[in-house]
Amino acid sequence: YGFITIMEKCTDMECHIFEAFLTKTNGETLENSSIKYR
C-alpha cells in the first residue's frame, strides 16, 4: 500500500526517536512539517 519498512521490532519510543531524528532540520513533527520527505 505504498509503505516501505524502516524498522522491524520497533517500540513506540524508538518510533518517536526516529521521527525526531528525521525531522531535526525544522523541528516539527512529520504531520506538521512543510518538508516533503522522500
All heavy atoms as atom14 arrays in JSON, in Angstrom:
{
  "sequence": "YGFITIMEKCTDMECHIFEAFLTKTNGETLENSSIKYR",
  "atom14_mask": [
    [1, 1, 1, 1, 1, 1, 1, 1, 1, 1, 1, 1, 0, 0],
    [1, 1, 1, 1, 0, 0, 0, 0, 0, 0, 0, 0, 0, 0],
    [1, 1, 1, 1, 1, 1, 1, 1, 1, 1, 1, 0, 0, 0],
    [1, 1, 1, 1, 1, 1, 1, 1, 0, 0, 0, 0, 0, 0],
    [1, 1, 1, 1, 1, 1, 1, 0, 0, 0, 0, 0, 0, 0],
    [1, 1, 1, 1, 1, 1, 1, 1, 0, 0, 0, 0, 0, 0],
    [1, 1, 1, 1, 1, 1, 1, 1, 0, 0, 0, 0, 0, 0],
    [1, 1, 1, 1, 1, 1, 1, 1, 1, 0, 0, 0, 0, 0],
    [1, 1, 1, 1, 1, 1, 1, 1, 1, 0, 0, 0, 0, 0],
    [1, 1, 1, 1, 1, 1, 0, 0, 0, 0, 0, 0, 0, 0],
    [1, 1, 1, 1, 1, 1, 1, 0, 0, 0, 0, 0, 0, 0],
    [1, 1, 1, 1, 1, 1, 1, 1, 0, 0, 0, 0, 0, 0],
    [1, 1, 1, 1, 1, 1, 1, 1, 0, 0, 0, 0, 0, 0],
    [1, 1, 1, 1, 1, 1, 1, 1, 1, 0, 0, 0, 0, 0],
    [1, 1, 1, 1, 1, 1, 0, 0, 0, 0, 0, 0, 0, 0],
    [1, 1, 1, 1, 1, 1, 1, 1, 1, 1, 0, 0, 0, 0],
    [1, 1, 1, 1, 1, 1, 1, 1, 0, 0, 0, 0, 0, 0],
    [1, 1, 1, 1, 1, 1, 1, 1, 1, 1, 1, 0, 0, 0],
    [1, 1, 1, 1, 1, 1, 1, 1, 1, 0, 0, 0, 0, 0],
    [1, 1, 1, 1, 1, 0, 0, 0, 0, 0, 0, 0, 0, 0],
    [1, 1, 1, 1, 1, 1, 1, 1, 1, 1, 1, 0, 0, 0],
    [1, 1, 1, 1, 1, 1, 1, 1, 0, 0, 0, 0, 0, 0],
    [1, 1, 1, 1, 1, 1, 1, 0, 0, 0, 0, 0, 0, 0],
    [1, 1, 1, 1, 1, 1, 1, 1, 1, 0, 0, 0, 0, 0],
    [1, 1, 1, 1, 1, 1, 1, 0, 0, 0, 0, 0, 0, 0],
    [1, 1, 1, 1, 1, 1, 1, 1, 0, 0, 0, 0, 0, 0],
    [1, 1, 1, 1, 0, 0, 0, 0, 0, 0, 0, 0, 0, 0],
    [1, 1, 1, 1, 1, 1, 1, 1, 1, 0, 0, 0, 0, 0],
    [1, 1, 1, 1, 1, 1, 1, 0, 0, 0, 0, 0, 0, 0],
    [1, 1, 1, 1, 1, 1, 1, 1, 0, 0, 0, 0, 0, 0],
    [1, 1, 1, 1, 1, 1, 1, 1, 1, 0, 0, 0, 0, 0],
    [1, 1, 1, 1, 1, 1, 1, 1, 0, 0, 0, 0, 0, 0],
    [1, 1, 1, 1, 1, 1, 0, 0, 0, 0, 0, 0, 0, 0],
    [1, 1, 1, 1, 1, 1, 0, 0, 0, 0, 0, 0, 0, 0],
    [1, 1, 1, 1, 1, 1, 1, 1, 0, 0, 0, 0, 0, 0],
    [1, 1, 1, 1, 1, 1, 1, 1, 1, 0, 0, 0, 0, 0],
    [1, 1, 1, 1, 1, 1, 1, 1, 1, 1, 1, 1, 0, 0],
    [1, 1, 1, 1, 1, 1, 1, 1, 1, 1, 1, 0, 0, 0]
  ],
  "atom14_positions": [
    [[0.81, -1.22, 0.0], [0.0, 0.0, 0.0], [0.85, 1.27, 0.0], [0.48, 2.28, 0.61], [-0.99, 0.01, 1.17], [-1.85, -1.22, 1.23], [-1.66, -2.17, 2.23], [-2.82, -1.44, 0.26], [-2.44, -3.31, 2.26], [-3.61, -2.58, 0.31], [-3.41, -3.52, 1.3], [-4.19, -4.64, 1.34], [0.0, 0.0, 0.0], [0.0, 0.0, 0.0]],
    [[2.0, 1.22, -0.66], [2.86, 2.38, -0.77], [3.78, 2.62, 0.41], [4.49, 3.61, 0.45], [0.0, 0.0, 0.0], [0.0, 0.0, 0.0], [0.0, 0.0, 0.0], [0.0, 0.0, 0.0], [0.0, 0.0, 0.0], [0.0, 0.0, 0.0], [0.0, 0.0, 0.0], [0.0, 0.0, 0.0], [0.0, 0.0, 0.0], [0.0, 0.0, 0.0]],
    [[3.79, 1.72, 1.37], [4.66, 1.85, 2.54], [5.95, 1.06, 2.33], [5.93, 0.0, 1.7], [3.97, 1.33, 3.8], [2.94, 2.27, 4.35], [1.62, 2.19, 3.92], [3.29, 3.22, 5.29], [0.67, 3.06, 4.41], [2.33, 4.1, 5.79], [1.02, 4.01, 5.35], [0.0, 0.0, 0.0], [0.0, 0.0, 0.0], [0.0, 0.0, 0.0]],
    [[7.05, 1.59, 2.87], [8.3, 0.84, 2.91], [8.66, 0.62, 4.38], [8.36, 1.45, 5.24], [9.46, 1.57, 2.19], [9.75, 2.93, 2.83], [9.18, 1.71, 0.71], [11.06, 3.55, 2.38], [0.0, 0.0, 0.0], [0.0, 0.0, 0.0], [0.0, 0.0, 0.0], [0.0, 0.0, 0.0], [0.0, 0.0, 0.0], [0.0, 0.0, 0.0]],
    [[9.27, -0.51, 4.66], [9.64, -0.83, 6.04], [10.93, -0.11, 6.4], [11.92, -0.18, 5.68], [9.81, -2.35, 6.21], [8.56, -2.98, 5.92], [10.24, -2.71, 7.62], [0.0, 0.0, 0.0], [0.0, 0.0, 0.0], [0.0, 0.0, 0.0], [0.0, 0.0, 0.0], [0.0, 0.0, 0.0], [0.0, 0.0, 0.0], [0.0, 0.0, 0.0]],
    [[10.9, 0.57, 7.52], [12.06, 1.28, 8.05], [12.73, 0.46, 9.14], [13.94, 0.31, 9.18], [11.67, 2.67, 8.62], [10.88, 3.49, 7.6], [12.89, 3.42, 9.12], [11.6, 3.74, 6.3], [0.0, 0.0, 0.0], [0.0, 0.0, 0.0], [0.0, 0.0, 0.0], [0.0, 0.0, 0.0], [0.0, 0.0, 0.0], [0.0, 0.0, 0.0]],
    [[11.92, -0.07, 10.07], [12.45, -0.87, 11.19], [11.5, -2.01, 11.5], [10.29, -1.84, 11.42], [12.57, -0.03, 12.46], [13.71, 0.92, 12.51], [13.88, 1.64, 14.17], [13.31, 3.29, 13.86], [0.0, 0.0, 0.0], [0.0, 0.0, 0.0], [0.0, 0.0, 0.0], [0.0, 0.0, 0.0], [0.0, 0.0, 0.0], [0.0, 0.0, 0.0]],
    [[12.07, -3.13, 11.87], [11.31, -4.26, 12.4], [11.49, -4.29, 13.91], [12.51, -3.83, 14.42], [11.82, -5.59, 11.81], [11.52, -5.79, 10.35], [10.07, -6.17, 10.05], [9.3, -6.44, 11.0], [9.72, -6.2, 8.87], [0.0, 0.0, 0.0], [0.0, 0.0, 0.0], [0.0, 0.0, 0.0], [0.0, 0.0, 0.0], [0.0, 0.0, 0.0]],
    [[10.49, -4.81, 14.59], [10.54, -4.96, 16.05], [10.93, -3.64, 16.72], [11.92, -3.53, 17.42], [11.5, -6.09, 16.45], [11.2, -6.65, 17.81], [12.03, -7.87, 18.1], [11.68, -8.35, 19.51], [12.55, -9.41, 19.96], [0.0, 0.0, 0.0], [0.0, 0.0, 0.0], [0.0, 0.0, 0.0], [0.0, 0.0, 0.0], [0.0, 0.0, 0.0]],
    [[10.12, -2.64, 16.47], [10.34, -1.27, 16.91], [9.37, -0.96, 18.04], [8.2, -1.3, 17.97], [10.1, -0.36, 15.71], [10.11, 1.38, 16.03], [0.0, 0.0, 0.0], [0.0, 0.0, 0.0], [0.0, 0.0, 0.0], [0.0, 0.0, 0.0], [0.0, 0.0, 0.0], [0.0, 0.0, 0.0], [0.0, 0.0, 0.0], [0.0, 0.0, 0.0]],
    [[9.84, -0.29, 19.09], [8.94, 0.16, 20.15], [8.39, 1.53, 19.8], [8.92, 2.21, 18.91], [9.68, 0.26, 21.5], [10.67, 1.28, 21.41], [10.32, -1.07, 21.88], [0.0, 0.0, 0.0], [0.0, 0.0, 0.0], [0.0, 0.0, 0.0], [0.0, 0.0, 0.0], [0.0, 0.0, 0.0], [0.0, 0.0, 0.0], [0.0, 0.0, 0.0]],
    [[7.36, 1.95, 20.5], [6.81, 3.28, 20.23], [7.84, 4.37, 20.55], [7.93, 5.37, 19.86], [5.49, 3.52, 20.97], [5.61, 3.47, 22.48], [6.57, 2.85, 23.0], [4.73, 4.04, 23.15], [0.0, 0.0, 0.0], [0.0, 0.0, 0.0], [0.0, 0.0, 0.0], [0.0, 0.0, 0.0], [0.0, 0.0, 0.0], [0.0, 0.0, 0.0]],
    [[8.67, 4.16, 21.56], [9.72, 5.12, 21.88], [10.73, 5.22, 20.74], [11.14, 6.33, 20.36], [10.44, 4.73, 23.17], [11.46, 5.77, 23.61], [12.15, 5.41, 25.22], [13.8, 4.93, 24.75], [0.0, 0.0, 0.0], [0.0, 0.0, 0.0], [0.0, 0.0, 0.0], [0.0, 0.0, 0.0], [0.0, 0.0, 0.0], [0.0, 0.0, 0.0]],
    [[11.12, 4.1, 20.17], [12.06, 4.12, 19.04], [11.46, 4.86, 17.85], [12.16, 5.56, 17.13], [12.47, 2.7, 18.67], [13.35, 2.05, 19.71], [13.53, 0.56, 19.5], [12.58, -0.11, 19.02], [14.62, 0.06, 19.8], [0.0, 0.0, 0.0], [0.0, 0.0, 0.0], [0.0, 0.0, 0.0], [0.0, 0.0, 0.0], [0.0, 0.0, 0.0]],
    [[10.16, 4.72, 17.65], [9.48, 5.44, 16.58], [9.57, 6.94, 16.81], [9.87, 7.71, 15.89], [8.03, 5.01, 16.48], [7.08, 5.97, 15.27], [0.0, 0.0, 0.0], [0.0, 0.0, 0.0], [0.0, 0.0, 0.0], [0.0, 0.0, 0.0], [0.0, 0.0, 0.0], [0.0, 0.0, 0.0], [0.0, 0.0, 0.0], [0.0, 0.0, 0.0]],
    [[9.32, 7.38, 18.04], [9.39, 8.81, 18.35], [10.81, 9.35, 18.19], [11.01, 10.46, 17.69], [8.87, 9.08, 19.76], [7.42, 8.78, 19.94], [6.43, 9.29, 19.12], [6.78, 7.99, 20.82], [5.26, 8.85, 19.5], [5.44, 8.05, 20.52], [0.0, 0.0, 0.0], [0.0, 0.0, 0.0], [0.0, 0.0, 0.0], [0.0, 0.0, 0.0]],
    [[11.79, 8.55, 18.59], [13.19, 8.95, 18.41], [13.49, 9.08, 16.93], [14.11, 10.05, 16.49], [14.15, 7.95, 19.09], [14.01, 8.04, 20.61], [15.59, 8.19, 18.65], [14.7, 6.92, 21.35], [0.0, 0.0, 0.0], [0.0, 0.0, 0.0], [0.0, 0.0, 0.0], [0.0, 0.0, 0.0], [0.0, 0.0, 0.0], [0.0, 0.0, 0.0]],
    [[13.03, 8.11, 16.14], [13.28, 8.17, 14.7], [12.62, 9.4, 14.08], [13.23, 10.11, 13.29], [12.8, 6.9, 13.99], [13.0, 6.99, 12.51], [14.26, 6.83, 11.96], [11.94, 7.28, 11.66], [14.47, 6.94, 10.59], [12.14, 7.39, 10.3], [13.4, 7.23, 9.77], [0.0, 0.0, 0.0], [0.0, 0.0, 0.0], [0.0, 0.0, 0.0]],
    [[11.38, 9.67, 14.43], [10.69, 10.83, 13.86], [11.4, 12.13, 14.25], [11.57, 13.02, 13.42], [9.22, 10.89, 14.3], [8.49, 12.03, 13.65], [7.0, 12.06, 13.94], [6.5, 11.23, 14.71], [6.33, 12.94, 13.36], [0.0, 0.0, 0.0], [0.0, 0.0, 0.0], [0.0, 0.0, 0.0], [0.0, 0.0, 0.0], [0.0, 0.0, 0.0]],
    [[11.84, 12.23, 15.5], [12.58, 13.43, 15.93], [13.88, 13.56, 15.15], [14.27, 14.66, 14.75], [12.86, 13.36, 17.43], [0.0, 0.0, 0.0], [0.0, 0.0, 0.0], [0.0, 0.0, 0.0], [0.0, 0.0, 0.0], [0.0, 0.0, 0.0], [0.0, 0.0, 0.0], [0.0, 0.0, 0.0], [0.0, 0.0, 0.0], [0.0, 0.0, 0.0]],
    [[14.54, 12.44, 14.92], [15.8, 12.47, 14.17], [15.54, 12.84, 12.71], [16.26, 13.65, 12.13], [16.48, 11.1, 14.26], [17.93, 11.13, 13.94], [18.86, 11.5, 14.9], [18.38, 10.8, 12.68], [20.21, 11.54, 14.6], [19.73, 10.84, 12.37], [20.65, 11.21, 13.33], [0.0, 0.0, 0.0], [0.0, 0.0, 0.0], [0.0, 0.0, 0.0]],
    [[14.5, 12.28, 12.12], [14.16, 12.56, 10.73], [13.83, 14.04, 10.53], [14.26, 14.66, 9.56], [12.96, 11.71, 10.28], [12.38, 11.99, 8.9], [13.4, 11.65, 7.81], [11.09, 11.2, 8.7], [0.0, 0.0, 0.0], [0.0, 0.0, 0.0], [0.0, 0.0, 0.0], [0.0, 0.0, 0.0], [0.0, 0.0, 0.0], [0.0, 0.0, 0.0]],
    [[13.1, 14.62, 11.45], [12.6, 15.99, 11.29], [13.47, 17.02, 12.0], [13.04, 18.14, 12.24], [11.15, 16.09, 11.8], [11.11, 15.72, 13.17], [10.22, 15.2, 11.0], [0.0, 0.0, 0.0], [0.0, 0.0, 0.0], [0.0, 0.0, 0.0], [0.0, 0.0, 0.0], [0.0, 0.0, 0.0], [0.0, 0.0, 0.0], [0.0, 0.0, 0.0]],
    [[14.72, 16.65, 12.3], [15.61, 17.55, 13.03], [15.88, 18.86, 12.3], [16.2, 19.86, 12.91], [16.92, 16.85, 13.37], [17.79, 16.5, 12.18], [18.98, 15.66, 12.6], [19.89, 15.28, 11.47], [19.3, 14.45, 10.44], [0.0, 0.0, 0.0], [0.0, 0.0, 0.0], [0.0, 0.0, 0.0], [0.0, 0.0, 0.0], [0.0, 0.0, 0.0]],
    [[15.74, 18.88, 10.97], [16.01, 20.08, 10.19], [15.09, 21.23, 10.57], [15.52, 22.36, 10.73], [15.87, 19.79, 8.68], [16.76, 18.75, 8.36], [16.19, 21.0, 7.85], [0.0, 0.0, 0.0], [0.0, 0.0, 0.0], [0.0, 0.0, 0.0], [0.0, 0.0, 0.0], [0.0, 0.0, 0.0], [0.0, 0.0, 0.0], [0.0, 0.0, 0.0]],
    [[13.79, 20.91, 10.72], [12.86, 22.0, 11.05], [12.2, 21.84, 12.42], [11.44, 22.7, 12.84], [11.79, 22.16, 9.96], [10.9, 20.96, 9.81], [11.01, 19.99, 10.54], [10.0, 21.01, 8.85], [0.0, 0.0, 0.0], [0.0, 0.0, 0.0], [0.0, 0.0, 0.0], [0.0, 0.0, 0.0], [0.0, 0.0, 0.0], [0.0, 0.0, 0.0]],
    [[12.46, 20.75, 13.1], [11.97, 20.57, 14.46], [10.48, 20.36, 14.58], [9.93, 20.42, 15.68], [0.0, 0.0, 0.0], [0.0, 0.0, 0.0], [0.0, 0.0, 0.0], [0.0, 0.0, 0.0], [0.0, 0.0, 0.0], [0.0, 0.0, 0.0], [0.0, 0.0, 0.0], [0.0, 0.0, 0.0], [0.0, 0.0, 0.0], [0.0, 0.0, 0.0]],
    [[9.79, 20.12, 13.48], [8.35, 19.88, 13.52], [8.07, 18.4, 13.4], [8.86, 17.66, 12.83], [7.67, 20.62, 12.38], [7.82, 22.13, 12.44], [7.19, 22.84, 11.25], [6.82, 22.16, 10.28], [7.09, 24.07, 11.3], [0.0, 0.0, 0.0], [0.0, 0.0, 0.0], [0.0, 0.0, 0.0], [0.0, 0.0, 0.0], [0.0, 0.0, 0.0]],
    [[6.93, 17.98, 13.9], [6.54, 16.6, 13.7], [6.3, 16.37, 12.22], [6.05, 17.32, 11.46], [5.26, 16.25, 14.48], [4.19, 17.07, 14.0], [5.45, 16.44, 15.97], [0.0, 0.0, 0.0], [0.0, 0.0, 0.0], [0.0, 0.0, 0.0], [0.0, 0.0, 0.0], [0.0, 0.0, 0.0], [0.0, 0.0, 0.0], [0.0, 0.0, 0.0]],
    [[6.36, 15.14, 11.8], [6.15, 14.81, 10.39], [4.8, 15.32, 9.91], [4.68, 15.87, 8.82], [6.26, 13.3, 10.18], [6.31, 12.8, 8.77], [7.53, 13.35, 8.03], [6.35, 11.28, 8.75], [0.0, 0.0, 0.0], [0.0, 0.0, 0.0], [0.0, 0.0, 0.0], [0.0, 0.0, 0.0], [0.0, 0.0, 0.0], [0.0, 0.0, 0.0]],
    [[3.81, 15.21, 10.77], [2.46, 15.65, 10.43], [2.4, 17.15, 10.12], [1.65, 17.58, 9.25], [1.53, 15.32, 11.61], [0.11, 15.72, 11.42], [-0.74, 15.35, 12.62], [-0.31, 15.56, 13.77], [-1.84, 14.83, 12.38], [0.0, 0.0, 0.0], [0.0, 0.0, 0.0], [0.0, 0.0, 0.0], [0.0, 0.0, 0.0], [0.0, 0.0, 0.0]],
    [[3.2, 17.94, 10.82], [3.17, 19.4, 10.66], [4.3, 19.94, 9.8], [4.39, 21.15, 9.6], [3.22, 20.08, 12.03], [2.01, 19.74, 12.87], [0.9, 19.68, 12.36], [2.23, 19.47, 14.13], [0.0, 0.0, 0.0], [0.0, 0.0, 0.0], [0.0, 0.0, 0.0], [0.0, 0.0, 0.0], [0.0, 0.0, 0.0], [0.0, 0.0, 0.0]],
    [[5.14, 19.08, 9.3], [6.33, 19.52, 8.56], [5.97, 20.04, 7.17], [5.11, 19.49, 6.48], [7.32, 18.36, 8.43], [8.45, 18.77, 7.71], [0.0, 0.0, 0.0], [0.0, 0.0, 0.0], [0.0, 0.0, 0.0], [0.0, 0.0, 0.0], [0.0, 0.0, 0.0], [0.0, 0.0, 0.0], [0.0, 0.0, 0.0], [0.0, 0.0, 0.0]],
    [[6.65, 21.11, 6.78], [6.48, 21.64, 5.43], [7.41, 20.93, 4.45], [7.27, 21.07, 3.24], [6.77, 23.14, 5.42], [8.09, 23.38, 5.87], [0.0, 0.0, 0.0], [0.0, 0.0, 0.0], [0.0, 0.0, 0.0], [0.0, 0.0, 0.0], [0.0, 0.0, 0.0], [0.0, 0.0, 0.0], [0.0, 0.0, 0.0], [0.0, 0.0, 0.0]],
    [[8.36, 20.16, 4.97], [9.28, 19.4, 4.13], [8.59, 18.13, 3.65], [7.95, 17.43, 4.43], [10.56, 19.05, 4.91], [11.3, 20.33, 5.31], [11.47, 18.14, 4.08], [12.47, 20.1, 6.24], [0.0, 0.0, 0.0], [0.0, 0.0, 0.0], [0.0, 0.0, 0.0], [0.0, 0.0, 0.0], [0.0, 0.0, 0.0], [0.0, 0.0, 0.0]],
    [[8.73, 17.83, 2.37], [8.2, 16.58, 1.82], [9.34, 15.59, 1.72], [10.26, 15.75, 0.92], [7.58, 16.82, 0.43], [6.4, 17.77, 0.45], [5.3, 17.24, 1.35], [4.12, 18.2, 1.39], [3.33, 18.06, 2.58], [0.0, 0.0, 0.0], [0.0, 0.0, 0.0], [0.0, 0.0, 0.0], [0.0, 0.0, 0.0], [0.0, 0.0, 0.0]],
    [[9.31, 14.58, 2.56], [10.38, 13.59, 2.62], [10.19, 12.53, 1.55], [9.08, 12.1, 1.27], [10.42, 12.95, 4.01], [10.77, 13.94, 5.09], [9.79, 14.58, 5.82], [12.1, 14.25, 5.34], [10.11, 15.51, 6.79], [12.43, 15.18, 6.32], [11.44, 15.8, 7.03], [11.75, 16.73, 8.0], [0.0, 0.0, 0.0], [0.0, 0.0, 0.0]],
    [[11.31, 12.13, 0.97], [11.31, 11.02, 0.01], [11.71, 9.75, 0.74], [12.29, 9.81, 1.83], [12.32, 11.3, -1.11], [12.06, 12.58, -1.9], [13.23, 12.93, -2.8], [14.42, 13.07, -1.96], [15.66, 12.75, -2.35], [15.89, 12.3, -3.56], [16.69, 12.92, -1.54], [0.0, 0.0, 0.0], [0.0, 0.0, 0.0], [0.0, 0.0, 0.0]]
  ]
}
